[in-house]
């Protein structure tokens, strides 16, 4: 049910073994983990035709409680290079503003009440420093995990190198 993952060195974090399903070569039903009573070794056995094979790994189940992919909902480092993320937009017409005089988000409400003045808002972008390349430009988003034990968590994606950090 598991195949061992290669480790590239003792200093690096050990990769988690890939858990895979195994199937019977005789009847194509799923094989289940079972202990051989004579040798006390782990094997995978078919419940239909009594076929069994020795396990190549001792890992048969893993419960990952805190998975970064689940928290980020598959958002990758490519979001930092997305041309539609983080551009300053005019609240009146929705067009991209190309000037340097951006309006702060705290001033948007005041300016949007006044007619004739352009109010500018920026999509989620931050000047948070990347711990990897020290660039001060990052896109951020909220964790997509919805559970009682996790609070609001922001993730940042560096626009320079694509590193995801929190």
N, C-alpha and C. Protein backbone atom coordinates (compact mmCIF):
# COMPACT_ATOMS: atom_id res chain seq x y z
N UNK A 1 0.82 -1.18 0.00
CA UNK A 1 0.00 0.00 0.00
C UNK A 1 0.86 1.25 0.00
N UNK A 2 2.11 1.10 0.28
CA UNK A 2 3.00 2.25 0.28
C UNK A 2 4.25 1.91 -0.49
N UNK A 3 4.80 2.90 -1.15
CA UNK A 3 6.07 2.72 -1.82
C UNK A 3 7.06 3.69 -1.22
N UNK A 4 8.27 3.26 -0.95
CA UNK A 4 9.22 4.13 -0.27
C UNK A 4 9.65 5.28 -1.15
N UNK A 5 9.86 6.44 -0.51
CA UNK A 5 10.34 7.62 -1.21
C UNK A 5 11.84 7.72 -1.03
N UNK A 6 12.53 8.24 -2.02
CA UNK A 6 13.97 8.37 -1.93
C UNK A 6 14.34 9.56 -1.07
N UNK A 7 15.35 9.38 -0.22
CA UNK A 7 15.82 10.49 0.60
C UNK A 7 17.11 11.01 0.01
N UNK A 8 17.22 12.33 -0.13
CA UNK A 8 18.37 12.92 -0.80
C UNK A 8 19.48 13.28 0.16
N UNK A 9 19.29 13.16 1.45
CA UNK A 9 20.35 13.46 2.40
C UNK A 9 19.82 13.52 3.81
N UNK A 10 20.74 13.33 4.77
CA UNK A 10 20.32 13.35 6.16
C UNK A 10 19.98 14.75 6.63
N UNK A 11 20.65 15.78 6.08
CA UNK A 11 20.42 17.16 6.49
C UNK A 11 19.09 17.70 6.04
N UNK A 12 18.57 17.17 4.95
CA UNK A 12 17.29 17.65 4.44
C UNK A 12 16.13 16.94 5.12
N UNK A 13 14.96 17.58 5.08
CA UNK A 13 13.76 16.99 5.66
C UNK A 13 13.37 15.75 4.86
N UNK A 14 13.08 14.66 5.57
CA UNK A 14 12.72 13.41 4.90
C UNK A 14 11.38 13.57 4.20
N UNK A 15 11.35 13.17 2.93
CA UNK A 15 10.09 13.21 2.17
C UNK A 15 9.14 12.16 2.72
N UNK A 16 7.87 12.50 2.72
CA UNK A 16 6.86 11.56 3.18
C UNK A 16 6.66 10.49 2.11
N UNK A 17 6.48 9.25 2.57
CA UNK A 17 6.25 8.15 1.64
C UNK A 17 4.91 8.33 0.94
N UNK A 18 4.86 7.98 -0.33
CA UNK A 18 3.63 8.05 -1.09
C UNK A 18 2.77 6.83 -0.75
N UNK A 19 1.57 7.07 -0.30
CA UNK A 19 0.65 5.98 0.02
C UNK A 19 -0.13 5.65 -1.25
N UNK A 20 -0.08 4.38 -1.67
CA UNK A 20 -0.78 3.97 -2.89
C UNK A 20 -1.63 2.74 -2.59
N UNK A 21 -2.65 2.57 -3.39
CA UNK A 21 -3.47 1.36 -3.28
C UNK A 21 -2.78 0.24 -4.04
N UNK A 22 -2.93 -0.98 -3.53
CA UNK A 22 -2.41 -2.17 -4.21
C UNK A 22 -3.59 -3.05 -4.59
N UNK A 23 -3.43 -3.74 -5.73
CA UNK A 23 -4.51 -4.59 -6.22
C UNK A 23 -3.99 -5.98 -6.51
N UNK A 24 -4.87 -6.95 -6.35
CA UNK A 24 -4.55 -8.36 -6.55
C UNK A 24 -4.24 -8.62 -8.02
N UNK A 25 -3.16 -9.36 -8.26
CA UNK A 25 -2.78 -9.67 -9.65
C UNK A 25 -3.64 -10.80 -10.22
N UNK A 26 -4.38 -11.51 -9.37
CA UNK A 26 -5.21 -12.61 -9.85
C UNK A 26 -6.66 -12.21 -10.10
N UNK A 27 -7.27 -11.43 -9.18
CA UNK A 27 -8.69 -11.09 -9.33
C UNK A 27 -8.97 -9.59 -9.37
N UNK A 28 -7.95 -8.78 -9.27
CA UNK A 28 -8.02 -7.31 -9.37
C UNK A 28 -8.75 -6.63 -8.23
N UNK A 29 -9.02 -7.33 -7.14
CA UNK A 29 -9.59 -6.69 -5.95
C UNK A 29 -8.48 -6.00 -5.16
N UNK A 30 -8.88 -5.12 -4.26
CA UNK A 30 -7.90 -4.39 -3.48
C UNK A 30 -7.24 -5.29 -2.45
N UNK A 31 -5.93 -5.08 -2.24
CA UNK A 31 -5.19 -5.80 -1.21
C UNK A 31 -5.21 -5.00 0.08
N UNK A 32 -5.32 -5.71 1.21
CA UNK A 32 -5.40 -5.07 2.52
C UNK A 32 -4.19 -5.47 3.36
N UNK A 33 -3.71 -4.58 4.22
CA UNK A 33 -2.57 -4.93 5.07
C UNK A 33 -2.94 -6.01 6.08
N UNK A 34 -1.98 -6.92 6.31
CA UNK A 34 -2.23 -8.05 7.20
C UNK A 34 -0.87 -8.55 7.71
N UNK A 35 -0.85 -9.08 8.90
CA UNK A 35 0.38 -9.64 9.45
C UNK A 35 0.46 -11.13 9.14
N UNK A 36 1.61 -11.57 8.66
CA UNK A 36 1.82 -13.00 8.45
C UNK A 36 2.02 -13.63 9.83
N UNK A 37 1.14 -14.57 10.23
CA UNK A 37 1.22 -15.12 11.59
C UNK A 37 2.49 -15.93 11.86
N UNK A 38 3.10 -16.49 10.82
CA UNK A 38 4.30 -17.31 11.02
C UNK A 38 5.56 -16.45 11.17
N UNK A 39 5.73 -15.49 10.27
CA UNK A 39 6.97 -14.68 10.27
C UNK A 39 6.80 -13.34 10.96
N UNK A 40 5.57 -12.98 11.31
CA UNK A 40 5.27 -11.69 11.94
C UNK A 40 5.75 -10.51 11.09
N UNK A 41 5.56 -10.64 9.80
CA UNK A 41 5.93 -9.58 8.86
C UNK A 41 4.66 -9.04 8.19
N UNK A 42 4.74 -7.78 7.78
CA UNK A 42 3.61 -7.14 7.12
C UNK A 42 3.50 -7.62 5.69
N UNK A 43 2.29 -7.92 5.27
CA UNK A 43 2.02 -8.29 3.89
C UNK A 43 0.67 -7.72 3.48
N UNK A 44 0.42 -7.73 2.19
CA UNK A 44 -0.87 -7.28 1.66
C UNK A 44 -1.58 -8.50 1.10
N UNK A 45 -2.85 -8.69 1.51
CA UNK A 45 -3.58 -9.90 1.15
C UNK A 45 -4.92 -9.55 0.53
N UNK A 46 -5.34 -10.40 -0.41
CA UNK A 46 -6.64 -10.27 -1.05
C UNK A 46 -7.67 -11.00 -0.19
N UNK A 47 -8.81 -10.38 0.04
CA UNK A 47 -9.86 -10.99 0.86
C UNK A 47 -10.75 -11.94 0.04
N UNK A 48 -10.57 -11.94 -1.28
CA UNK A 48 -11.41 -12.77 -2.14
C UNK A 48 -10.74 -14.09 -2.50
N UNK A 49 -9.48 -14.01 -2.97
CA UNK A 49 -8.84 -15.22 -3.49
C UNK A 49 -7.63 -15.69 -2.68
N UNK A 50 -7.36 -15.10 -1.55
CA UNK A 50 -6.27 -15.49 -0.65
C UNK A 50 -4.87 -15.23 -1.21
N UNK A 51 -4.75 -14.43 -2.27
CA UNK A 51 -3.44 -14.02 -2.77
C UNK A 51 -2.81 -13.07 -1.76
N UNK A 52 -1.49 -13.16 -1.58
CA UNK A 52 -0.79 -12.22 -0.69
C UNK A 52 0.60 -11.95 -1.23
N UNK A 53 1.12 -10.79 -0.87
CA UNK A 53 2.48 -10.41 -1.24
C UNK A 53 3.10 -9.65 -0.08
N UNK A 54 4.43 -9.73 0.02
CA UNK A 54 5.13 -9.06 1.11
C UNK A 54 5.14 -7.55 0.87
N UNK A 55 4.99 -6.79 1.94
CA UNK A 55 4.97 -5.33 1.86
C UNK A 55 6.39 -4.80 1.65
N UNK A 56 6.52 -3.79 0.81
CA UNK A 56 7.82 -3.16 0.58
C UNK A 56 8.10 -2.04 1.56
N UNK A 57 7.07 -1.60 2.29
CA UNK A 57 7.21 -0.54 3.27
C UNK A 57 6.30 -0.85 4.45
N UNK A 58 6.65 -0.31 5.61
CA UNK A 58 5.83 -0.56 6.79
C UNK A 58 4.72 0.47 6.96
N UNK A 59 4.68 1.48 6.12
CA UNK A 59 3.65 2.53 6.22
C UNK A 59 2.40 2.09 5.47
N UNK A 60 1.28 1.98 6.19
CA UNK A 60 0.02 1.59 5.56
C UNK A 60 -1.03 2.68 5.65
N UNK A 61 -0.82 3.68 6.53
CA UNK A 61 -1.79 4.76 6.70
C UNK A 61 -1.08 5.99 7.23
N UNK A 62 -1.50 7.17 6.77
CA UNK A 62 -0.95 8.42 7.28
C UNK A 62 -2.09 9.41 7.43
N UNK A 63 -2.16 10.06 8.58
CA UNK A 63 -3.17 11.08 8.84
C UNK A 63 -2.45 12.43 8.89
N UNK A 64 -2.52 13.21 7.81
CA UNK A 64 -1.86 14.51 7.75
C UNK A 64 -2.84 15.54 8.28
N UNK A 65 -2.51 16.13 9.43
CA UNK A 65 -3.43 17.05 10.08
C UNK A 65 -3.33 18.47 9.55
N UNK A 66 -2.13 18.93 9.22
CA UNK A 66 -1.96 20.30 8.77
C UNK A 66 -1.25 20.27 7.43
N UNK A 67 -2.00 20.37 6.37
CA UNK A 67 -1.46 20.27 5.03
C UNK A 67 -1.43 21.64 4.38
N UNK A 68 -0.27 22.09 3.93
CA UNK A 68 -0.14 23.42 3.34
C UNK A 68 -0.94 23.55 2.05
N UNK A 69 -1.05 22.47 1.29
CA UNK A 69 -1.82 22.54 0.05
C UNK A 69 -3.28 22.80 0.36
N UNK A 70 -3.80 22.18 1.41
CA UNK A 70 -5.18 22.43 1.81
C UNK A 70 -5.39 23.86 2.25
N UNK A 71 -4.43 24.41 2.96
CA UNK A 71 -4.56 25.79 3.44
C UNK A 71 -4.51 26.78 2.29
N UNK A 72 -3.64 26.53 1.33
CA UNK A 72 -3.50 27.48 0.23
C UNK A 72 -4.43 27.17 -0.93
N UNK A 73 -5.17 26.08 -0.84
CA UNK A 73 -6.14 25.68 -1.86
C UNK A 73 -5.51 25.59 -3.24
N UNK A 74 -4.29 25.13 -3.29
CA UNK A 74 -3.62 24.94 -4.57
C UNK A 74 -3.06 26.20 -5.20
N UNK A 75 -3.11 27.33 -4.50
CA UNK A 75 -2.53 28.56 -5.04
C UNK A 75 -1.02 28.37 -5.09
N UNK A 76 -0.42 28.62 -6.23
CA UNK A 76 1.00 28.38 -6.40
C UNK A 76 1.78 29.68 -6.47
N UNK A 77 3.10 29.53 -6.62
CA UNK A 77 3.97 30.69 -6.71
C UNK A 77 3.73 31.48 -7.98
N UNK A 78 2.99 30.94 -8.94
CA UNK A 78 2.71 31.65 -10.19
C UNK A 78 1.75 32.81 -9.99
N UNK A 79 1.04 32.87 -8.87
CA UNK A 79 0.08 33.95 -8.65
C UNK A 79 0.79 35.30 -8.58
N UNK A 80 2.05 35.33 -8.16
CA UNK A 80 2.81 36.58 -8.10
C UNK A 80 3.09 37.18 -9.47
N UNK A 81 3.14 36.35 -10.49
CA UNK A 81 3.40 36.85 -11.84
C UNK A 81 2.12 37.01 -12.66
N UNK A 82 0.96 36.77 -12.05
CA UNK A 82 -0.32 36.96 -12.72
C UNK A 82 -0.55 38.44 -12.99
N UNK A 83 -0.72 38.85 -14.24
CA UNK A 83 -0.87 40.28 -14.53
C UNK A 83 -2.18 40.87 -14.03
N UNK A 84 -3.15 40.05 -13.64
CA UNK A 84 -4.42 40.59 -13.17
C UNK A 84 -4.45 40.79 -11.66
N UNK A 85 -3.42 40.36 -10.95
CA UNK A 85 -3.39 40.48 -9.49
C UNK A 85 -2.55 41.69 -9.09
N UNK A 86 -3.11 42.52 -8.24
CA UNK A 86 -2.36 43.61 -7.65
C UNK A 86 -2.27 44.87 -8.48
N UNK A 87 -3.07 45.01 -9.50
CA UNK A 87 -3.03 46.23 -10.30
C UNK A 87 -3.95 47.27 -9.68
N UNK A 88 -3.53 48.54 -9.65
CA UNK A 88 -4.42 49.58 -9.12
C UNK A 88 -5.56 49.85 -10.08
N UNK A 89 -6.80 49.80 -9.58
CA UNK A 89 -7.97 49.98 -10.42
C UNK A 89 -8.75 51.20 -9.96
N UNK A 90 -9.35 51.90 -10.92
CA UNK A 90 -10.20 53.04 -10.63
C UNK A 90 -11.56 52.52 -10.16
N UNK A 91 -12.08 53.08 -9.07
CA UNK A 91 -13.38 52.64 -8.56
C UNK A 91 -14.54 53.11 -9.43
N UNK A 92 -14.33 54.18 -10.18
CA UNK A 92 -15.40 54.72 -11.00
C UNK A 92 -15.54 53.98 -12.32
N UNK A 93 -14.41 53.79 -13.03
CA UNK A 93 -14.50 53.17 -14.35
C UNK A 93 -13.96 51.74 -14.39
N UNK A 94 -13.19 51.32 -13.38
CA UNK A 94 -12.64 49.97 -13.35
C UNK A 94 -11.37 49.80 -14.15
N UNK A 95 -10.89 50.87 -14.79
CA UNK A 95 -9.67 50.80 -15.59
C UNK A 95 -8.42 50.79 -14.73
N UNK A 96 -7.32 50.28 -15.31
CA UNK A 96 -6.04 50.25 -14.62
C UNK A 96 -5.46 51.65 -14.58
N UNK A 97 -5.01 52.09 -13.40
CA UNK A 97 -4.43 53.41 -13.23
C UNK A 97 -2.92 53.29 -13.36
N UNK A 98 -2.33 54.06 -14.27
CA UNK A 98 -0.91 53.96 -14.53
C UNK A 98 -0.08 55.07 -13.90
N UNK A 99 -0.70 55.94 -13.10
CA UNK A 99 0.06 57.04 -12.50
C UNK A 99 0.60 56.63 -11.14
N UNK A 100 1.53 57.44 -10.58
CA UNK A 100 2.13 57.13 -9.29
C UNK A 100 1.25 57.55 -8.12
N UNK A 101 0.32 58.46 -8.33
CA UNK A 101 -0.50 58.99 -7.24
C UNK A 101 -1.64 58.09 -6.86
N UNK A 102 -1.34 56.98 -6.22
CA UNK A 102 -2.38 56.05 -5.80
C UNK A 102 -3.05 56.57 -4.54
N UNK A 103 -4.31 56.24 -4.38
CA UNK A 103 -5.06 56.62 -3.19
C UNK A 103 -5.01 55.45 -2.21
N UNK A 104 -4.71 55.74 -0.95
CA UNK A 104 -4.67 54.71 0.08
C UNK A 104 -6.07 54.13 0.30
N UNK A 105 -6.14 52.88 0.73
CA UNK A 105 -7.44 52.23 0.92
C UNK A 105 -8.28 52.92 1.98
N UNK A 106 -7.65 53.61 2.95
CA UNK A 106 -8.42 54.33 3.96
C UNK A 106 -9.08 55.57 3.39
N UNK A 107 -8.56 56.07 2.28
CA UNK A 107 -9.12 57.26 1.65
C UNK A 107 -10.17 56.92 0.60
N UNK A 108 -10.32 55.67 0.27
CA UNK A 108 -11.23 55.27 -0.81
C UNK A 108 -12.66 55.64 -0.49
N UNK A 109 -13.13 55.36 0.73
CA UNK A 109 -14.51 55.66 1.09
C UNK A 109 -14.81 57.14 0.99
N UNK A 110 -13.88 57.97 1.47
CA UNK A 110 -14.08 59.42 1.41
C UNK A 110 -14.13 59.91 -0.03
N UNK A 111 -13.21 59.41 -0.85
CA UNK A 111 -13.14 59.88 -2.23
C UNK A 111 -14.26 59.32 -3.09
N UNK A 112 -14.72 58.11 -2.80
CA UNK A 112 -15.78 57.54 -3.62
C UNK A 112 -17.10 58.25 -3.40
N UNK A 113 -17.23 58.94 -2.26
CA UNK A 113 -18.45 59.71 -2.00
C UNK A 113 -18.48 60.99 -2.82
N UNK A 114 -17.30 61.51 -3.14
CA UNK A 114 -17.22 62.75 -3.91
C UNK A 114 -17.27 62.41 -5.39
N UNK A 115 -18.16 63.04 -6.11
CA UNK A 115 -18.24 62.78 -7.54
C UNK A 115 -17.18 63.59 -8.27
N UNK A 116 -16.73 63.09 -9.37
CA UNK A 116 -15.77 63.81 -10.19
C UNK A 116 -14.33 63.48 -9.86
N UNK A 117 -14.05 62.96 -8.68
CA UNK A 117 -12.69 62.59 -8.33
C UNK A 117 -12.52 61.09 -8.53
N UNK A 118 -11.34 60.69 -9.02
CA UNK A 118 -11.09 59.27 -9.21
C UNK A 118 -10.58 58.64 -7.92
N UNK A 119 -11.21 57.58 -7.50
CA UNK A 119 -10.75 56.83 -6.33
C UNK A 119 -10.08 55.56 -6.84
N UNK A 120 -8.93 55.25 -6.28
CA UNK A 120 -8.15 54.11 -6.74
C UNK A 120 -8.03 53.10 -5.61
N UNK A 121 -8.22 51.85 -5.94
CA UNK A 121 -8.03 50.78 -4.96
C UNK A 121 -7.11 49.73 -5.59
N UNK A 122 -6.29 49.12 -4.78
CA UNK A 122 -5.37 48.10 -5.26
C UNK A 122 -5.85 46.73 -4.80
N UNK A 123 -5.74 45.76 -5.67
CA UNK A 123 -6.05 44.39 -5.27
C UNK A 123 -5.02 43.93 -4.25
N UNK A 124 -5.21 42.79 -3.57
CA UNK A 124 -4.35 42.43 -2.44
C UNK A 124 -2.87 42.29 -2.78
N UNK A 125 -2.12 43.29 -2.43
CA UNK A 125 -0.68 43.32 -2.61
C UNK A 125 -0.08 43.93 -1.36
N UNK A 126 1.11 43.52 -1.00
CA UNK A 126 1.73 43.99 0.23
C UNK A 126 3.21 44.27 0.00
N UNK A 127 3.78 45.09 0.86
CA UNK A 127 5.22 45.34 0.79
C UNK A 127 5.96 44.48 1.81
N UNK A 128 5.41 43.33 2.14
CA UNK A 128 6.03 42.39 3.08
C UNK A 128 7.32 41.84 2.47
N UNK A 129 8.38 41.79 3.26
CA UNK A 129 9.69 41.34 2.77
C UNK A 129 9.74 39.82 2.69
N UNK A 130 10.17 39.33 1.54
CA UNK A 130 10.31 37.89 1.32
C UNK A 130 11.52 37.38 2.13
N UNK A 131 11.35 36.31 2.92
CA UNK A 131 12.48 35.78 3.68
C UNK A 131 13.54 35.12 2.81
N UNK A 132 13.20 34.79 1.58
CA UNK A 132 14.13 34.08 0.70
C UNK A 132 14.99 35.04 -0.13
N UNK A 133 14.35 36.02 -0.81
CA UNK A 133 15.10 36.90 -1.72
C UNK A 133 15.10 38.36 -1.29
N UNK A 134 14.42 38.69 -0.19
CA UNK A 134 14.36 40.05 0.39
C UNK A 134 13.64 41.07 -0.49
N UNK A 135 12.86 40.62 -1.48
CA UNK A 135 12.05 41.53 -2.29
C UNK A 135 10.89 42.02 -1.44
N UNK A 136 10.54 43.30 -1.57
CA UNK A 136 9.45 43.87 -0.78
C UNK A 136 8.18 44.04 -1.61
N UNK A 137 7.78 43.01 -2.33
CA UNK A 137 6.57 43.05 -3.14
C UNK A 137 5.97 41.65 -3.12
N UNK A 138 4.77 41.53 -2.55
CA UNK A 138 4.13 40.22 -2.42
C UNK A 138 2.63 40.34 -2.59
N UNK A 139 2.04 39.31 -3.15
CA UNK A 139 0.59 39.18 -3.24
C UNK A 139 0.17 38.35 -2.03
N UNK A 140 -0.97 38.67 -1.43
CA UNK A 140 -1.40 37.87 -0.28
C UNK A 140 -2.83 37.40 -0.45
N UNK A 141 -3.15 36.30 0.24
CA UNK A 141 -4.49 35.74 0.23
C UNK A 141 -4.73 35.04 1.55
N UNK A 142 -5.99 34.82 1.87
CA UNK A 142 -6.37 34.19 3.12
C UNK A 142 -6.44 32.68 2.95
N UNK A 143 -6.14 31.96 4.02
CA UNK A 143 -6.22 30.51 4.01
C UNK A 143 -7.61 30.07 3.60
N UNK A 144 -7.69 29.03 2.78
CA UNK A 144 -8.98 28.53 2.31
C UNK A 144 -9.50 27.38 3.15
N UNK A 145 -8.78 27.04 4.22
CA UNK A 145 -9.20 25.95 5.08
C UNK A 145 -10.30 26.44 6.00
N UNK A 146 -11.41 25.75 6.04
CA UNK A 146 -12.55 26.15 6.85
C UNK A 146 -12.78 25.11 7.94
N UNK A 147 -12.15 25.31 9.08
CA UNK A 147 -12.38 24.40 10.19
C UNK A 147 -12.32 25.18 11.49
N UNK A 148 -12.87 24.59 12.54
CA UNK A 148 -12.99 25.28 13.82
C UNK A 148 -11.63 25.55 14.46
N UNK A 149 -10.67 24.64 14.28
CA UNK A 149 -9.39 24.81 14.96
C UNK A 149 -8.43 25.75 14.24
N UNK A 150 -8.71 26.13 13.01
CA UNK A 150 -7.83 27.06 12.30
C UNK A 150 -8.46 28.43 12.24
N UNK A 151 -7.69 29.42 12.60
CA UNK A 151 -8.15 30.80 12.50
C UNK A 151 -7.80 31.38 11.15
N UNK A 152 -7.97 32.69 11.02
CA UNK A 152 -7.62 33.34 9.77
C UNK A 152 -6.10 33.35 9.63
N UNK A 153 -5.60 32.93 8.50
CA UNK A 153 -4.17 32.88 8.26
C UNK A 153 -3.90 33.47 6.88
N UNK A 154 -2.96 34.41 6.81
CA UNK A 154 -2.61 35.02 5.53
C UNK A 154 -1.38 34.34 4.97
N UNK A 155 -1.39 34.11 3.67
CA UNK A 155 -0.24 33.58 2.95
C UNK A 155 0.23 34.64 1.97
N UNK A 156 1.54 34.79 1.85
CA UNK A 156 2.14 35.75 0.93
C UNK A 156 2.89 34.99 -0.15
N UNK A 157 2.81 35.51 -1.39
CA UNK A 157 3.57 34.95 -2.50
C UNK A 157 4.46 36.06 -3.02
N UNK A 158 5.78 35.86 -2.95
CA UNK A 158 6.74 36.86 -3.39
C UNK A 158 6.63 37.06 -4.89
N UNK A 159 6.54 38.31 -5.33
CA UNK A 159 6.46 38.61 -6.76
C UNK A 159 7.83 38.50 -7.42
N UNK A 160 8.90 38.46 -6.64
CA UNK A 160 10.24 38.34 -7.18
C UNK A 160 10.63 36.91 -7.48
N UNK A 161 10.46 36.02 -6.48
CA UNK A 161 10.94 34.64 -6.65
C UNK A 161 9.83 33.59 -6.59
N UNK A 162 8.60 33.97 -6.19
CA UNK A 162 7.49 33.03 -6.12
C UNK A 162 7.41 32.24 -4.84
N UNK A 163 8.26 32.54 -3.86
CA UNK A 163 8.26 31.82 -2.58
C UNK A 163 6.95 32.09 -1.83
N UNK A 164 6.33 31.02 -1.28
CA UNK A 164 5.10 31.15 -0.50
C UNK A 164 5.48 31.14 0.97
N UNK A 165 5.07 32.17 1.71
CA UNK A 165 5.38 32.26 3.13
C UNK A 165 4.21 32.85 3.88
N UNK A 166 4.25 32.76 5.22
CA UNK A 166 3.15 33.30 6.01
C UNK A 166 3.67 34.24 7.08
